[in-house]
Protein backbone atom coordinates (compact mmCIF):
# COMPACT_ATOMS: atom_id res chain seq x y z
CA MET A 1 1.90 12.81 71.74
CA SER A 2 2.06 9.38 73.29
CA TRP A 3 4.75 6.80 72.76
CA LYS A 4 2.20 4.45 71.16
CA LEU A 5 1.32 7.00 68.49
CA THR A 6 5.01 7.61 67.78
CA LYS A 7 5.60 3.87 67.38
CA LYS A 8 2.58 3.46 65.11
CA LEU A 9 3.59 6.30 62.81
CA LYS A 10 7.09 4.88 62.47
CA GLU A 11 5.84 1.39 61.65
CA THR A 12 3.21 2.49 59.12
CA HIS A 13 4.91 5.38 57.33
CA LEU A 14 8.65 5.00 57.85
CA ALA A 15 8.97 1.29 57.09
CA PRO A 16 11.05 1.85 53.90
CA LEU A 17 13.50 4.01 55.83
CA ALA A 18 13.81 1.43 58.54
CA ASN A 19 15.35 -0.99 56.06
CA THR A 20 18.08 1.49 55.17
CA PHE A 21 18.85 3.26 58.42
CA SER A 22 19.28 2.24 62.02
CA ARG A 23 19.46 4.39 65.11
CA SER A 24 22.59 4.61 67.20
CA SER A 25 21.79 4.48 70.90
CA SER A 26 24.87 6.48 71.78
CA THR A 27 24.27 9.50 69.59
CA SER A 28 20.58 9.31 68.60
CA THR A 29 21.52 9.84 64.98
CA ILE A 30 20.75 7.87 61.86
CA VAL A 31 23.63 5.69 60.74
CA GLY A 32 23.96 3.36 57.78
CA GLY A 33 24.06 -0.39 57.86
CA GLU A 34 22.64 -3.01 60.16
CA GLN A 35 22.97 -2.51 63.89
CA THR A 36 24.35 -5.41 65.88
CA PRO A 37 22.32 -6.13 69.02
CA ARG A 38 24.29 -5.41 72.14
CA ALA A 39 24.34 -7.59 75.19
CA THR A 40 22.87 -5.92 78.27
CA SER A 41 23.48 -6.63 81.88
CA SER A 42 20.69 -8.57 83.53
CA THR A 43 21.40 -6.93 86.86
CA ALA A 44 21.08 -3.47 85.34
CA LEU A 45 17.82 -4.35 83.65
CA SER A 46 16.35 -5.79 86.82
CA ASP A 47 17.38 -2.86 89.00
CA SER A 48 14.25 -1.48 90.63
CA LYS A 49 15.83 1.98 90.86
CA ASP A 50 16.27 2.08 87.11
CA PRO A 51 12.97 0.85 85.63
CA ASN A 52 13.67 2.40 82.22
CA GLY A 53 17.10 0.84 81.86
CA ILE A 54 18.81 4.23 81.55
CA ALA A 55 21.89 3.13 83.46
CA ALA A 56 22.29 0.06 81.28
CA SER A 57 21.93 2.15 78.13
CA GLU A 58 24.59 4.60 79.29
CA ALA A 59 26.93 1.78 80.27
CA ASN A 60 26.68 0.20 76.84
CA ALA A 61 26.92 3.46 74.91
CA THR A 62 29.97 3.80 72.70
CA PRO A 63 31.82 7.10 72.38
CA PRO A 64 31.15 9.13 69.21
CA PRO A 65 33.68 8.87 66.37
CA PRO A 66 36.56 11.36 66.35
CA PRO A 67 35.81 14.64 64.56
CA LEU A 68 36.38 14.63 60.84
CA ARG A 69 38.88 17.08 59.44
CA PRO A 70 37.11 19.39 56.97
CA GLY A 71 37.84 18.78 53.33
CA ILE A 72 36.42 18.45 49.83
CA LEU A 73 34.96 15.30 48.28
CA ILE A 74 35.69 15.10 44.55
CA VAL A 75 33.12 13.04 42.64
CA THR A 76 33.42 11.75 39.08
CA LEU A 77 30.86 9.77 37.06
CA HIS A 78 32.25 7.48 34.38
CA GLU A 79 29.76 5.13 32.74
CA GLY A 80 26.86 2.79 33.22
CA LYS A 81 25.87 -0.51 31.72
CA GLY A 82 22.80 -2.68 31.59
CA PHE A 83 20.22 0.01 32.41
CA SER A 84 16.57 -0.84 31.75
CA LEU A 85 13.13 0.64 32.25
CA PRO A 86 11.07 -0.11 35.36
CA PRO A 87 7.88 -2.15 34.94
CA GLY A 88 5.08 -0.05 33.53
CA ALA A 89 7.29 2.52 31.81
CA GLU A 90 7.57 0.66 28.50
CA GLN A 91 4.41 2.30 27.17
CA HIS A 92 6.20 5.65 27.01
CA PHE A 93 8.93 4.17 24.78
CA GLN A 94 6.79 2.71 21.98
CA GLY A 95 8.13 5.22 19.44
CA GLY A 96 4.80 6.61 18.29
CA GLY A 97 4.10 9.44 20.67
CA HIS A 98 7.33 11.40 20.70
CA HIS A 99 6.85 15.13 20.66
CA GLN A 100 10.42 15.71 19.59
CA GLY A 101 11.08 14.96 15.92
CA SER A 102 14.02 12.80 14.90
CA LEU A 103 15.63 11.42 11.82
CA SER A 104 16.05 7.93 13.19
CA GLN A 105 14.20 5.84 15.75
CA GLY A 106 16.30 2.72 15.92
CA ALA A 107 19.71 1.19 15.54
CA GLY A 108 21.69 2.86 12.85
CA PHE A 109 24.98 4.27 11.72
CA SER A 110 27.36 4.89 14.62
CA VAL A 111 28.97 8.32 14.64
CA ALA A 112 32.63 9.01 15.29
CA GLY A 113 33.10 10.32 18.79
CA SER A 114 29.95 8.74 20.19
CA MET A 115 32.06 6.67 22.58
CA ARG A 116 34.38 8.20 25.12
CA PRO A 117 37.97 6.88 24.82
CA GLY A 118 38.90 4.42 27.53
CA SER A 119 35.36 3.33 28.32
CA SER A 120 34.40 -0.32 28.55
CA SER A 121 31.70 0.24 25.92
CA ARG A 122 34.19 1.18 23.20
CA SER A 123 33.88 -1.87 21.02
CA GLN A 124 32.70 -0.29 17.77
CA VAL A 125 34.65 1.03 14.85
CA ALA A 126 33.84 4.67 14.17
CA GLY A 127 31.76 5.14 11.03
CA SER A 128 30.72 1.51 10.63
CA TYR A 129 27.71 -0.65 11.25
CA SER A 130 28.00 -2.75 14.34
CA SER A 131 25.95 -5.82 15.13
CA ASN A 132 26.45 -5.43 18.87
CA ARG A 133 24.91 -1.97 19.00
CA PRO A 134 21.89 -2.07 21.38
CA GLN A 135 18.71 -2.53 19.41
CA SER A 136 16.03 0.07 20.18
CA ALA A 137 13.02 -2.21 20.00
CA ALA A 138 9.69 -0.67 20.88
CA GLY A 139 9.27 -0.55 24.64
CA SER A 140 13.00 -0.78 25.44
CA ILE A 141 15.08 1.93 27.07
CA ASN A 142 16.89 2.54 23.76
CA ALA A 143 13.64 3.40 21.93
CA VAL A 144 14.16 7.16 22.13
CA PRO A 145 14.63 9.67 19.28
CA THR A 146 18.01 9.62 17.54
CA ILE A 147 19.64 11.81 14.90
CA HIS A 148 21.54 9.86 12.22
CA GLY A 149 21.76 6.94 14.62
CA ARG A 150 23.23 9.00 17.44
CA TYR A 151 21.34 9.57 20.66
CA SER A 152 20.80 13.14 21.74
CA SER A 153 22.10 13.89 25.22
CA LYS A 154 18.58 15.07 26.05
CA TYR A 155 17.35 11.48 26.01
CA LEU A 156 20.33 9.90 27.76
CA PRO A 157 20.05 9.11 31.47
CA TYR A 158 21.11 11.74 33.96
CA ALA A 159 22.30 11.35 37.54
CA LEU A 160 21.27 13.19 40.67
CA VAL A 161 24.17 13.11 43.13
CA ASP A 162 23.14 13.78 46.73
CA PHE A 163 25.71 14.33 49.48
CA ASP A 164 24.73 15.80 52.86
CA LYS A 165 21.63 17.53 51.45
CA GLN A 166 23.61 18.99 48.53
CA GLN A 167 22.38 17.91 45.08
CA VAL A 168 23.94 18.12 41.62
CA PHE A 169 22.38 17.04 38.31
CA ILE A 170 24.91 15.46 35.94
CA ASN A 171 23.94 14.59 32.35
CA ALA A 172 25.44 11.74 30.36
CA VAL A 173 27.41 13.00 27.36
CA SER A 174 27.34 10.06 24.94
CA GLY A 175 26.68 6.34 24.58
CA THR A 176 23.20 4.83 24.62
CA PRO A 177 20.40 4.95 27.19
CA GLU A 178 21.25 1.35 28.09
CA ASN A 179 25.01 1.98 28.34
CA PRO A 180 25.51 5.72 28.87
CA LEU A 181 28.82 7.53 29.24
CA TRP A 182 29.61 10.48 31.47
CA ALA A 183 32.62 12.79 31.29
CA GLY A 184 34.68 10.72 33.75
CA GLY A 185 37.76 12.41 35.15
CA ASN A 186 37.45 15.26 32.66
CA THR A 187 34.70 16.84 34.81
CA GLN A 188 34.85 16.86 38.60
CA TYR A 189 32.13 17.81 41.06
CA LYS A 190 33.16 19.04 44.50
CA PHE A 191 31.27 18.75 47.79
CA ASP A 192 32.24 20.30 51.12
CA VAL A 193 32.76 17.70 53.83
CA SER A 194 31.99 18.68 57.42
CA ARG A 195 30.81 15.32 58.77
CA THR A 196 30.75 11.64 57.88
CA THR A 197 27.80 10.77 55.68
CA ASP A 198 26.90 8.57 52.71
CA MET A 199 26.47 9.64 49.11
CA SER A 200 23.70 8.50 46.78
CA VAL A 201 23.44 8.60 42.98
CA SER A 202 19.90 8.41 41.61
CA LEU A 203 19.40 7.81 37.88
CA TYR A 204 16.57 9.13 35.74
CA ILE A 205 15.69 9.21 32.05
CA ARG A 206 13.47 11.74 30.36
CA ASN A 207 10.08 10.62 29.21
CA PRO A 208 10.02 10.89 25.38
CA SER A 209 6.22 11.06 25.45
CA SER A 210 6.03 14.08 27.75
CA PRO A 211 5.08 17.44 26.18
CA PRO A 212 7.68 20.14 25.57
CA ASN A 213 8.66 22.30 28.54
CA ALA A 214 7.33 19.67 30.94
CA GLY A 215 10.42 19.94 33.12
CA ARG A 216 11.50 16.94 35.17
CA ALA A 217 8.06 16.09 36.56
CA ASP A 218 7.50 13.21 34.11
CA ASP A 219 11.05 11.81 34.20
CA ILE A 220 11.36 8.09 34.95
CA PHE A 221 13.41 6.72 37.83
CA ILE A 222 15.61 3.80 36.68
CA GLY A 223 17.76 3.03 39.73
CA LYS A 224 19.96 4.22 42.54
CA CYS A 225 23.35 3.36 43.99
CA GLN A 226 24.65 4.35 47.40
CA LEU A 227 28.23 4.46 48.63
CA ARG A 228 30.17 5.43 51.70
CA PRO A 229 33.26 7.49 50.81
CA ARG A 230 36.45 6.99 52.74
CA PHE A 231 37.44 10.36 54.12
CA GLU A 232 41.18 9.95 53.86
CA GLU A 233 43.56 11.53 51.42
CA SER A 234 44.96 9.11 48.87
CA GLN A 235 47.49 9.53 46.10
CA ALA A 236 47.21 7.47 42.96
CA ALA A 237 50.13 5.28 44.02
CA ASP A 238 48.66 4.09 47.32
CA ALA A 239 44.95 4.19 46.41
CA ALA A 240 44.92 0.47 45.58
CA ALA A 241 46.63 -0.39 48.87
CA LYS A 242 44.17 1.68 50.91
CA LYS A 243 41.23 -0.04 49.24
CA GLU A 244 42.37 -3.31 50.77
CA THR A 245 43.06 -2.00 54.28
CA GLY A 246 39.88 -0.17 55.30
CA THR A 247 36.19 0.42 54.80
CA GLY A 248 34.78 3.04 52.49
CA GLN A 249 35.41 3.74 48.84
CA ILE A 250 38.50 5.42 47.42
CA GLY A 251 38.81 6.00 43.70
CA ALA A 252 36.49 4.67 40.98
CA GLU A 253 34.49 1.47 41.45
CA TRP A 254 31.55 -0.29 39.80
CA LEU A 255 28.39 -0.16 41.93
CA GLU A 256 25.28 -2.26 41.44
CA LEU A 257 22.02 -0.36 41.05
CA GLN A 258 19.27 -0.70 43.62
CA PHE A 259 15.61 -0.66 42.51
CA GLY A 260 16.77 -1.25 38.94
CA THR A 261 19.13 -3.23 36.74
CA GLY A 262 22.72 -2.66 35.71
CA SER A 263 25.72 -1.03 37.34
CA MET A 264 27.55 2.28 37.32
CA LYS A 265 31.16 3.36 37.70
CA VAL A 266 31.55 6.16 40.25
CA GLY A 267 34.75 7.73 41.57
CA VAL A 268 35.27 9.53 44.89
CA ASN A 269 38.38 11.09 46.39
CA PHE A 270 38.78 13.15 49.56
CA VAL A 271 41.13 16.12 49.87
CA GLU A 272 41.70 17.85 53.20
CA THR A 273 41.18 21.60 53.35
CA LEU A 274 44.38 23.53 53.92
CA LYS A 275 42.57 26.70 54.99
CA ASP A 276 41.79 26.67 58.72
CA LYS A 277 39.23 29.48 58.83
CA LEU A 278 36.47 30.75 56.59
CA SER A 279 35.33 34.30 56.07
CA ILE A 280 32.55 36.05 54.20
CA ASP A 281 35.01 36.56 51.33
CA ASP A 282 34.88 32.80 50.62
CA PHE A 283 31.28 33.13 49.42
CA ASP A 284 29.47 34.88 46.61
CA LEU A 285 26.26 36.52 47.87
CA LEU A 286 23.39 35.67 45.50
CA LYS A 287 20.20 37.00 47.07
CA VAL A 288 18.34 37.55 50.33
CA VAL A 289 15.82 34.77 51.05
CA GLY A 290 14.54 35.89 54.46
CA LYS A 291 14.73 38.56 57.15
CA GLY A 292 13.94 38.49 60.84
CA SER A 293 14.60 40.20 64.14
CA PHE A 294 17.91 38.33 64.45
CA GLY A 295 19.31 39.37 61.06
CA LYS A 296 18.82 37.86 57.62
CA VAL A 297 19.30 34.68 55.59
CA MET A 298 21.01 34.85 52.21
CA GLN A 299 21.54 32.36 49.42
CA VAL A 300 25.27 32.12 48.79
CA MET A 301 27.69 30.10 46.67
CA LYS A 302 31.00 28.85 48.05
CA LYS A 303 33.70 29.96 45.64
CA ASP A 304 35.93 26.87 45.63
CA THR A 305 33.26 24.16 45.32
CA HIS A 306 30.42 26.20 43.72
CA ARG A 307 27.92 24.67 46.13
CA ILE A 308 24.84 26.65 47.16
CA TYR A 309 24.16 27.31 50.87
CA ALA A 310 21.93 29.36 53.14
CA LEU A 311 23.97 31.89 55.12
CA LYS A 312 22.40 33.12 58.36
CA THR A 313 23.92 36.36 59.65
CA ILE A 314 23.44 37.61 63.22
CA ARG A 315 24.64 40.95 64.57
CA LYS A 316 26.53 40.55 67.83
CA ALA A 317 25.32 43.88 69.21
CA HIS A 318 21.72 42.82 68.61
CA ILE A 319 21.89 39.53 70.49
CA ILE A 320 23.79 41.16 73.36
CA SER A 321 21.23 43.94 73.73
CA ARG A 322 18.37 41.42 73.78
CA SER A 323 20.17 38.90 76.03
CA GLU A 324 20.06 36.26 73.30
CA VAL A 325 23.67 35.13 73.63
CA ALA A 326 22.76 31.85 75.34
CA HIS A 327 20.13 31.02 72.71
CA THR A 328 22.54 31.75 69.86
CA LEU A 329 25.27 29.60 71.34
CA ALA A 330 22.73 26.84 71.97
CA GLU A 331 21.65 26.92 68.33
CA ARG A 332 25.20 26.48 67.10
CA SER A 333 25.92 23.73 69.64
CA VAL A 334 22.84 21.72 68.66
CA LEU A 335 23.39 21.99 64.90
CA ALA A 336 27.09 21.13 65.20
CA GLN A 337 26.59 17.82 67.02
CA ILE A 338 23.39 16.43 65.46
CA ASN A 339 23.37 14.31 62.32
CA ASN A 340 19.80 13.50 61.38
CA PRO A 341 18.17 13.33 57.92
CA PHE A 342 15.21 15.41 59.11
CA ILE A 343 17.23 18.30 60.58
CA VAL A 344 18.95 20.97 58.47
CA PRO A 345 22.71 20.38 58.89
CA LEU A 346 25.16 23.11 59.85
CA LYS A 347 28.06 23.08 57.39
CA PHE A 348 30.26 25.90 58.73
CA SER A 349 30.24 28.69 61.28
CA PHE A 350 32.56 31.68 61.55
CA GLN A 351 32.51 35.28 62.75
CA SER A 352 33.68 38.79 62.07
CA PRO A 353 34.12 41.58 64.62
CA GLU A 354 30.48 42.62 64.11
CA LYS A 355 28.59 39.49 63.02
CA LEU A 356 28.14 35.74 63.49
CA TYR A 357 27.68 33.55 60.42
CA PHE A 358 25.98 30.14 60.22
CA VAL A 359 26.32 28.31 56.88
CA LEU A 360 23.48 25.80 56.50
CA ALA A 361 22.39 23.42 53.76
CA PHE A 362 20.08 25.17 51.32
CA VAL A 363 16.83 23.19 51.39
CA ASN A 364 14.98 24.34 48.28
CA GLY A 365 11.55 22.70 48.58
CA GLY A 366 9.95 25.60 50.43
CA GLU A 367 8.35 25.90 53.85
CA LEU A 368 5.61 23.56 55.00
CA PHE A 369 3.64 26.74 55.72
CA HIS A 370 3.68 27.62 52.00
CA HIS A 371 2.46 24.16 50.97
CA LEU A 372 -0.21 24.19 53.69
CA GLN A 373 -1.51 27.53 52.47
CA LYS A 374 -1.56 26.25 48.91
CA GLU A 375 -3.33 22.97 49.72
CA GLN A 376 -5.47 24.33 52.61
CA ARG A 377 -5.61 20.82 54.08
CA PHE A 378 -3.32 17.80 53.68
CA ASP A 379 -4.82 14.36 53.20
CA ILE A 380 -4.41 11.92 56.06
CA ASN A 381 -1.51 9.96 54.56
CA ARG A 382 0.52 13.08 53.79
CA ALA A 383 -0.15 14.47 57.28
CA ARG A 384 0.95 11.20 58.87
CA PHE A 385 4.09 11.17 56.74
CA TYR A 386 5.13 14.64 57.89
CA ALA A 387 4.19 13.89 61.50
CA ALA A 388 6.23 10.68 61.54
CA GLU A 389 9.37 12.37 60.20
CA LEU A 390 8.87 15.30 62.58
CA LEU A 391 8.65 12.91 65.51
CA CYS A 392 11.92 11.29 64.44
CA ALA A 393 13.60 14.71 64.40
CA LEU A 394 12.23 15.61 67.84
CA GLU A 395 13.19 12.21 69.24
CA CYS A 396 16.75 12.81 68.01
CA LEU A 397 16.82 16.17 69.80
CA HIS A 398 15.43 14.65 72.98
CA GLY A 399 18.19 12.05 72.83
CA PHE A 400 20.62 14.97 73.25
CA ASN A 401 18.49 16.43 76.07
CA VAL A 402 17.42 19.30 73.80
CA ILE A 403 13.93 20.83 73.73
CA TYR A 404 13.03 22.56 70.47
CA ARG A 405 10.26 24.99 71.65
CA ASP A 406 9.62 26.71 68.31
CA LEU A 407 7.52 24.24 66.37
CA LYS A 408 5.53 25.87 63.58
CA PRO A 409 5.05 25.29 59.83
CA GLU A 410 7.43 28.13 58.95
CA ASN A 411 10.31 26.24 60.60
CA ILE A 412 9.70 23.00 58.71
CA LEU A 413 11.28 22.91 55.25
CA LEU A 414 10.79 20.37 52.47
CA ASP A 415 13.70 19.06 50.42
CA TYR A 416 13.68 18.13 46.72
CA THR A 417 12.19 14.69 47.44
CA GLY A 418 9.46 15.96 49.80
CA HIS A 419 11.06 14.95 53.12
CA ILE A 420 11.02 17.45 55.97
CA ALA A 421 14.01 19.33 57.38
CA LEU A 422 13.59 21.08 60.73
CA CYS A 423 15.35 24.45 61.03
CA ASP A 424 15.77 27.51 63.32
CA PHE A 425 17.03 26.35 66.70
CA GLY A 426 17.30 29.80 68.26
CA LEU A 427 14.82 29.05 71.08
CA CYS A 428 15.97 25.54 71.99
CA LYS A 429 16.97 24.58 75.53
CA LEU A 430 20.00 22.39 76.25
CA ASP A 431 20.75 19.86 79.01
CA MET A 432 17.11 19.33 79.90
CA LYS A 433 16.39 16.41 82.23
CA ASP A 434 13.09 14.60 82.64
CA GLU A 435 12.23 16.57 85.77
CA ASP A 436 13.30 19.98 84.42
CA ARG A 437 10.81 22.61 83.31
CA THR A 438 11.16 25.73 81.17
CA ASN A 439 10.03 29.00 82.70
CA SER A 440 9.63 31.07 79.55
CA GLU A 441 6.41 30.67 77.58
CA GLN A 442 6.57 30.84 73.80
CA THR A 443 3.46 32.45 72.31
CA ARG A 444 4.52 32.95 68.73
CA PRO A 445 1.65 32.91 66.23
CA GLY A 446 1.33 29.81 64.11
CA LEU A 447 2.69 27.27 66.58
CA LEU A 448 2.17 23.87 65.04
CA THR A 449 -0.60 21.60 66.23
CA LEU A 450 -1.91 18.47 64.64
CA THR A 451 -5.02 20.35 63.53
CA ASN A 452 -2.81 22.55 61.31
CA ILE A 453 -1.79 19.66 59.10
CA LEU A 454 -4.81 17.34 59.28
């Protein structure tokens, strides 16, 4: 595929991502924030022996950041304030089409315990009428069913916390839809940290007009906040001091919502892992999700953080007998150094005397092959969307001089938001230069062509 087609797909179908991410020329990975233009040498650019400016690019490249010590990120959600519905969603909150019966539809008698102690919203006296209670006028976010003036947790906003392709749904426990309360420090959510990445918190509210058992398909998006944790250990005594001396968040802070109104208080703290090595005993085996000639892939849960992963097991004797040692080592090397939103990240790797283990993010949207079989043919916009993200993944690999060589719908996964995640790097080639060629020919059935997805 030509460079012009790559550029066109990026401009037409990845424009929203371009506003959030920028590409680092030194590592070919997606990094947050705006990228400062770098000055280039005029002599290097005008060198006739270097028409593509490769020498200048290498001269200006910055070394990658030092490796991050593995640890656990502890996340707490506290409260939100000033939430509102997006334009066009007010029709679902008119109060007349609720499928779920209620005893009260508006402002009413506040119930003892409806506010969490210590929250900024605790301004009412338990068991009394309060004039500053949010009014649930028709069409407002508070116009959801209530029971004796108290909002059911079913109709309070919930948060989807996403960190390094690991997602957790967290429901609000009390408050109002406009000013909800979460459990705060009483409930902690743990994420394994193996690389530096941002965390996002997306907020949704259930549609009161949707039919029973509708799931989350009709839920309404009300905003999102994004933060960059600071991956340093911090005790309570020096947390305030560290906030002033470096970038990244430590502790609980108020964050303004994007694509919505209001703000939310989110806490993050990093704790280094004391255990140097992992073993299969650190995981609970849930079920087998796939088998192949190399071994099998299982869905597992890490015991200390309760996060779900995909565990790929490979028998050493098998790869030695089939001379696949180089390919296996190449797969681990590629996944360990690449940080790209469209490539399945490697979280951990370890071994036993008989087997190798790769712990990968569990991408639960299914294979592109499954969706292609179901739809038979994708429309042009959906095909362009997948192709554009796939090109970004391949461009990232080429930036590391890696050739993928196993492109097919079965190796393209979809995450919970519909974005692709490229997996299975067992046939990739490392350290490939522009003039190098591969001698082995891959003739696996189902190799991906544009006609497969158009």
